[in-house]
Amino acid sequence: MTPNSISSDVYVQAIAVNLSALRDRLREGLMRADAASEASADNQAEIAMGALFGMDTLLIEARALHHAALILHRTHYAEQRGRAARQPSEPYAPQQTDVANAHLEVDELAKLGVLTPERASLLKDRLTAEVIAEHVNAGMKISELIDMFNELAAVEAASSDESATEAALCSEFERYCAEQGLGERDDAVALLRRQDLTDDQRRWLSDFVRRWEAMRKRFAPRSR
């Protein structure tokens, strides 16, 4: 796929990104629920509640990701139906005036601060005459097309930023565990249940959990 085009693959990839993130949130939520249940069974109420710290954020994120995947699927399905339904003898021919109007609308959004200059440039690169004609034939307005491209670009950017931030935090966590002789663990919340931690170790791990939750909130999908 070239940078100037949008195809079925874009929807499939965007849906996959949302579902992968949804799976991660649900998996983390299940791990926290298991840890809380085990601690509660051992009459360790404080540890149980600590294990549930941030669960509300995970559930909100999971719901938003589920909603985003559904919206992408429905949009994709509607476009496919629109292309299949239109008559081959009545296609909308690409018009350079459409490109100019679309780019002008993008520029106006950038002036209003709705789009960053970088995002505006990306959208203008992708909004070619052929792309506009394809989506107009599918029943979309140019303003709706701009919104869709902007949302897809936001998903791509957020996924990239979150992956880099998450990788950095995971690397820091693994390095700390190795330095402190805590073994190979992939869950700071579960690690906090250990009774042999020093006060400094417990403080560091608690701070790490807070930073991890802050990262999740920062990249949580937002409803329009």
Protein backbone atom coordinates (compact mmCIF):
# COMPACT_ATOMS: atom_id res chain seq x y z
CA MET A 1 0.00 0.00 0.00
CA THR A 2 1.38 3.39 -0.96
CA PRO A 3 1.21 6.41 1.36
CA ASN A 4 -1.31 8.07 -0.99
CA SER A 5 -3.86 5.28 -0.90
CA ILE A 6 -6.22 3.63 1.51
CA SER A 7 -7.43 0.10 1.02
CA SER A 8 -9.15 -2.75 2.77
CA ASP A 9 -5.79 -3.60 4.34
CA VAL A 10 -5.82 -0.33 6.29
CA TYR A 11 -9.08 -1.26 7.98
CA VAL A 12 -7.91 -4.80 8.66
CA GLN A 13 -4.67 -3.54 10.20
CA ALA A 14 -6.42 -0.85 12.27
CA ILE A 15 -8.94 -3.38 13.57
CA ALA A 16 -6.10 -5.78 14.39
CA VAL A 17 -4.28 -3.05 16.35
CA ASN A 18 -7.40 -2.34 18.42
CA LEU A 19 -8.11 -6.03 19.06
CA SER A 20 -4.51 -6.70 20.05
CA ALA A 21 -4.64 -3.81 22.54
CA LEU A 22 -8.03 -5.06 23.77
CA ARG A 23 -6.57 -8.52 24.35
CA ASP A 24 -3.66 -7.02 26.32
CA ARG A 25 -6.02 -5.00 28.53
CA LEU A 26 -8.25 -7.99 29.22
CA ARG A 27 -5.26 -10.25 29.89
CA GLU A 28 -3.83 -7.72 32.34
CA GLY A 29 -7.23 -7.33 33.98
CA LEU A 30 -7.54 -11.09 34.40
CA MET A 31 -4.07 -11.28 35.96
CA ARG A 32 -4.97 -8.52 38.40
CA ALA A 33 -8.28 -10.18 39.26
CA ASP A 34 -6.51 -13.49 39.87
CA ALA A 35 -3.92 -11.83 42.09
CA ALA A 36 -6.63 -9.98 44.03
CA SER A 37 -8.66 -13.17 44.46
CA GLU A 38 -5.68 -15.12 45.75
CA ALA A 39 -4.74 -12.34 48.17
CA SER A 40 -8.32 -12.09 49.41
CA ALA A 41 -8.43 -15.83 50.00
CA ASP A 42 -5.32 -15.41 52.18
CA ASN A 43 -7.04 -12.62 54.18
CA GLN A 44 -4.69 -10.01 52.67
CA ALA A 45 -7.23 -7.33 51.91
CA GLU A 46 -4.70 -4.53 51.39
CA ILE A 47 -2.74 -6.53 48.84
CA ALA A 48 -5.98 -7.57 47.14
CA MET A 49 -7.04 -3.94 46.73
CA GLY A 50 -3.56 -3.03 45.55
CA ALA A 51 -3.80 -5.68 42.85
CA LEU A 52 -7.01 -4.04 41.63
CA PHE A 53 -5.37 -0.61 41.38
CA GLY A 54 -6.05 0.75 37.90
CA MET A 55 -8.66 -1.88 37.02
CA ASP A 56 -11.20 0.88 36.29
CA THR A 57 -8.86 2.35 33.69
CA LEU A 58 -8.32 -1.04 32.07
CA LEU A 59 -12.07 -1.59 31.76
CA ILE A 60 -12.62 1.88 30.27
CA GLU A 61 -9.82 1.28 27.76
CA ALA A 62 -11.16 -2.16 26.88
CA ARG A 63 -14.62 -0.73 26.18
CA ALA A 64 -13.15 2.06 24.03
CA LEU A 65 -11.02 -0.38 22.03
CA HIS A 66 -13.99 -2.67 21.51
CA HIS A 67 -16.05 0.31 20.29
CA ALA A 68 -13.27 1.49 17.96
CA ALA A 69 -12.93 -1.96 16.37
CA LEU A 70 -16.69 -2.09 15.75
CA ILE A 71 -16.74 1.38 14.19
CA LEU A 72 -13.85 0.50 11.87
CA HIS A 73 -15.57 -2.73 10.85
CA ARG A 74 -18.90 -1.02 10.16
CA THR A 75 -17.22 1.73 8.14
CA HIS A 76 -15.32 -0.84 6.10
CA TYR A 77 -18.48 -2.88 5.53
CA ALA A 78 -20.44 0.20 4.46
CA GLU A 79 -17.75 1.16 1.97
CA GLN A 80 -17.66 -2.35 0.52
CA ARG A 81 -21.45 -2.31 0.11
CA GLY A 82 -21.31 1.13 -1.49
CA ARG A 83 -18.73 0.02 -4.04
CA ALA A 84 -20.69 -3.13 -4.84
CA ALA A 85 -24.00 -1.28 -5.18
CA ARG A 86 -23.00 1.55 -7.49
CA GLN A 87 -23.50 1.13 -11.21
CA PRO A 88 -20.28 0.66 -13.24
CA SER A 89 -21.67 3.07 -15.84
CA GLU A 90 -22.04 5.87 -13.29
CA PRO A 91 -18.67 6.19 -11.57
CA TYR A 92 -17.66 9.51 -10.09
CA ALA A 93 -14.64 10.69 -12.05
CA PRO A 94 -11.67 12.08 -10.11
CA GLN A 95 -11.64 15.88 -10.09
CA GLN A 96 -8.68 18.08 -9.22
CA THR A 97 -11.14 20.62 -7.80
CA ASP A 98 -12.09 18.01 -5.21
CA VAL A 99 -8.46 17.67 -4.21
CA ALA A 100 -8.12 21.44 -3.92
CA ASN A 101 -11.27 21.67 -1.79
CA ALA A 102 -10.18 18.80 0.44
CA HIS A 103 -6.73 20.33 0.94
CA LEU A 104 -8.29 23.72 1.66
CA GLU A 105 -10.49 22.13 4.35
CA VAL A 106 -7.44 20.44 5.86
CA ASP A 107 -5.58 23.76 5.88
CA GLU A 108 -8.50 25.42 7.67
CA LEU A 109 -8.51 22.69 10.32
CA ALA A 110 -4.78 23.19 10.79
CA LYS A 111 -5.27 26.97 11.21
CA LEU A 112 -7.89 26.29 13.88
CA GLY A 113 -5.47 24.00 15.69
CA VAL A 114 -7.60 20.90 15.13
CA LEU A 115 -4.78 19.32 13.13
CA THR A 116 -1.06 19.65 13.67
CA PRO A 117 1.00 20.79 10.65
CA GLU A 118 2.49 17.28 10.45
CA ARG A 119 -0.94 15.60 10.49
CA ALA A 120 -2.29 18.09 7.92
CA SER A 121 0.63 17.34 5.60
CA LEU A 122 0.05 13.59 5.96
CA LEU A 123 -3.66 13.91 5.17
CA LYS A 124 -3.01 16.05 2.11
CA ASP A 125 -0.53 13.46 0.82
CA ARG A 126 -3.18 10.75 1.16
CA LEU A 127 -6.12 12.73 -0.24
CA THR A 128 -5.51 12.23 -3.95
CA ALA A 129 -8.15 12.61 -6.64
CA GLU A 130 -8.44 8.84 -7.03
CA VAL A 131 -8.87 8.26 -3.30
CA ILE A 132 -11.50 11.00 -3.02
CA ALA A 133 -13.42 9.65 -6.01
CA GLU A 134 -13.35 6.11 -4.59
CA HIS A 135 -14.88 7.19 -1.29
CA VAL A 136 -17.35 9.62 -2.83
CA ASN A 137 -18.57 6.69 -4.92
CA ALA A 138 -18.99 4.80 -1.64
CA GLY A 139 -21.30 7.53 -0.38
CA MET A 140 -18.89 9.51 1.80
CA LYS A 141 -18.57 13.28 2.00
CA ILE A 142 -15.12 14.87 1.80
CA SER A 143 -15.43 16.09 5.41
CA GLU A 144 -16.23 12.52 6.51
CA LEU A 145 -13.26 11.25 4.52
CA ILE A 146 -10.96 13.74 6.25
CA ASP A 147 -12.30 12.64 9.64
CA MET A 148 -11.74 8.98 8.77
CA PHE A 149 -8.18 9.56 7.56
CA ASN A 150 -7.44 11.61 10.66
CA GLU A 151 -8.75 8.88 12.97
CA LEU A 152 -6.75 6.19 11.17
CA ALA A 153 -3.61 8.34 11.37
CA ALA A 154 -4.26 8.87 15.09
CA VAL A 155 -4.54 5.09 15.60
CA GLU A 156 -1.26 4.56 13.74
CA ALA A 157 0.54 7.30 15.71
CA ALA A 158 -0.82 6.22 19.10
CA SER A 159 0.07 2.60 18.43
CA SER A 160 3.63 3.56 17.51
CA ASP A 161 4.10 5.88 20.51
CA GLU A 162 2.55 3.42 22.95
CA SER A 163 4.72 0.56 21.69
CA ALA A 164 7.89 2.63 22.19
CA THR A 165 6.86 3.82 25.68
CA GLU A 166 5.74 0.35 26.76
CA ALA A 167 8.99 -1.18 25.49
CA ALA A 168 11.04 1.37 27.47
CA LEU A 169 9.10 0.69 30.68
CA CYS A 170 9.36 -3.08 30.23
CA SER A 171 13.11 -2.78 29.68
CA GLU A 172 13.45 -0.65 32.83
CA PHE A 173 11.39 -3.14 34.85
CA GLU A 174 13.40 -6.15 33.65
CA ARG A 175 16.68 -4.36 34.34
CA TYR A 176 15.60 -3.43 37.87
CA CYS A 177 14.45 -6.97 38.64
CA ALA A 178 17.78 -8.33 37.43
CA GLU A 179 19.77 -5.80 39.47
CA GLN A 180 17.74 -6.53 42.60
CA GLY A 181 17.80 -10.29 42.14
CA LEU A 182 14.02 -10.48 41.93
CA GLY A 183 14.04 -13.03 39.16
CA GLU A 184 12.26 -12.89 35.82
CA ARG A 185 8.78 -11.49 36.43
CA ASP A 186 6.41 -9.89 33.96
CA ASP A 187 3.93 -8.42 36.44
CA ALA A 188 4.89 -5.75 38.96
CA VAL A 189 1.56 -6.10 40.78
CA ALA A 190 2.13 -9.81 41.37
CA LEU A 191 5.69 -9.09 42.44
CA LEU A 192 4.40 -6.66 45.08
CA ARG A 193 2.72 -9.61 46.82
CA ARG A 194 6.10 -11.00 47.88
CA GLN A 195 6.69 -10.72 51.60
CA ASP A 196 10.49 -10.53 51.35
CA LEU A 197 10.69 -7.17 49.55
CA THR A 198 12.63 -4.34 51.14
CA ASP A 199 10.92 -1.00 51.70
CA ASP A 200 12.93 0.51 48.84
CA GLN A 201 11.95 -2.30 46.49
CA ARG A 202 8.29 -1.98 47.42
CA ARG A 203 8.43 1.81 46.85
CA TRP A 204 10.11 1.38 43.46
CA LEU A 205 7.61 -1.23 42.32
CA SER A 206 4.65 0.84 43.52
CA ASP A 207 6.01 3.85 41.63
CA PHE A 208 6.50 1.69 38.54
CA VAL A 209 2.87 0.56 38.69
CA ARG A 210 1.76 4.21 38.90
CA ARG A 211 3.89 5.13 35.90
CA TRP A 212 2.57 2.15 33.96
CA GLU A 213 -1.03 3.19 34.69
CA ALA A 214 -0.22 6.78 33.68
CA MET A 215 1.12 5.47 30.36
CA ARG A 216 -2.08 3.47 29.82
CA LYS A 217 -4.24 6.51 30.54
CA ARG A 218 -2.18 8.67 28.22
CA PHE A 219 -2.70 6.34 25.28
CA ALA A 220 -6.25 5.31 26.12
CA PRO A 221 -8.54 5.66 23.07
CA ARG A 222 -10.94 8.58 23.37
CA SER A 223 -14.47 8.63 22.05
CA ARG A 224 -15.25 11.47 19.65
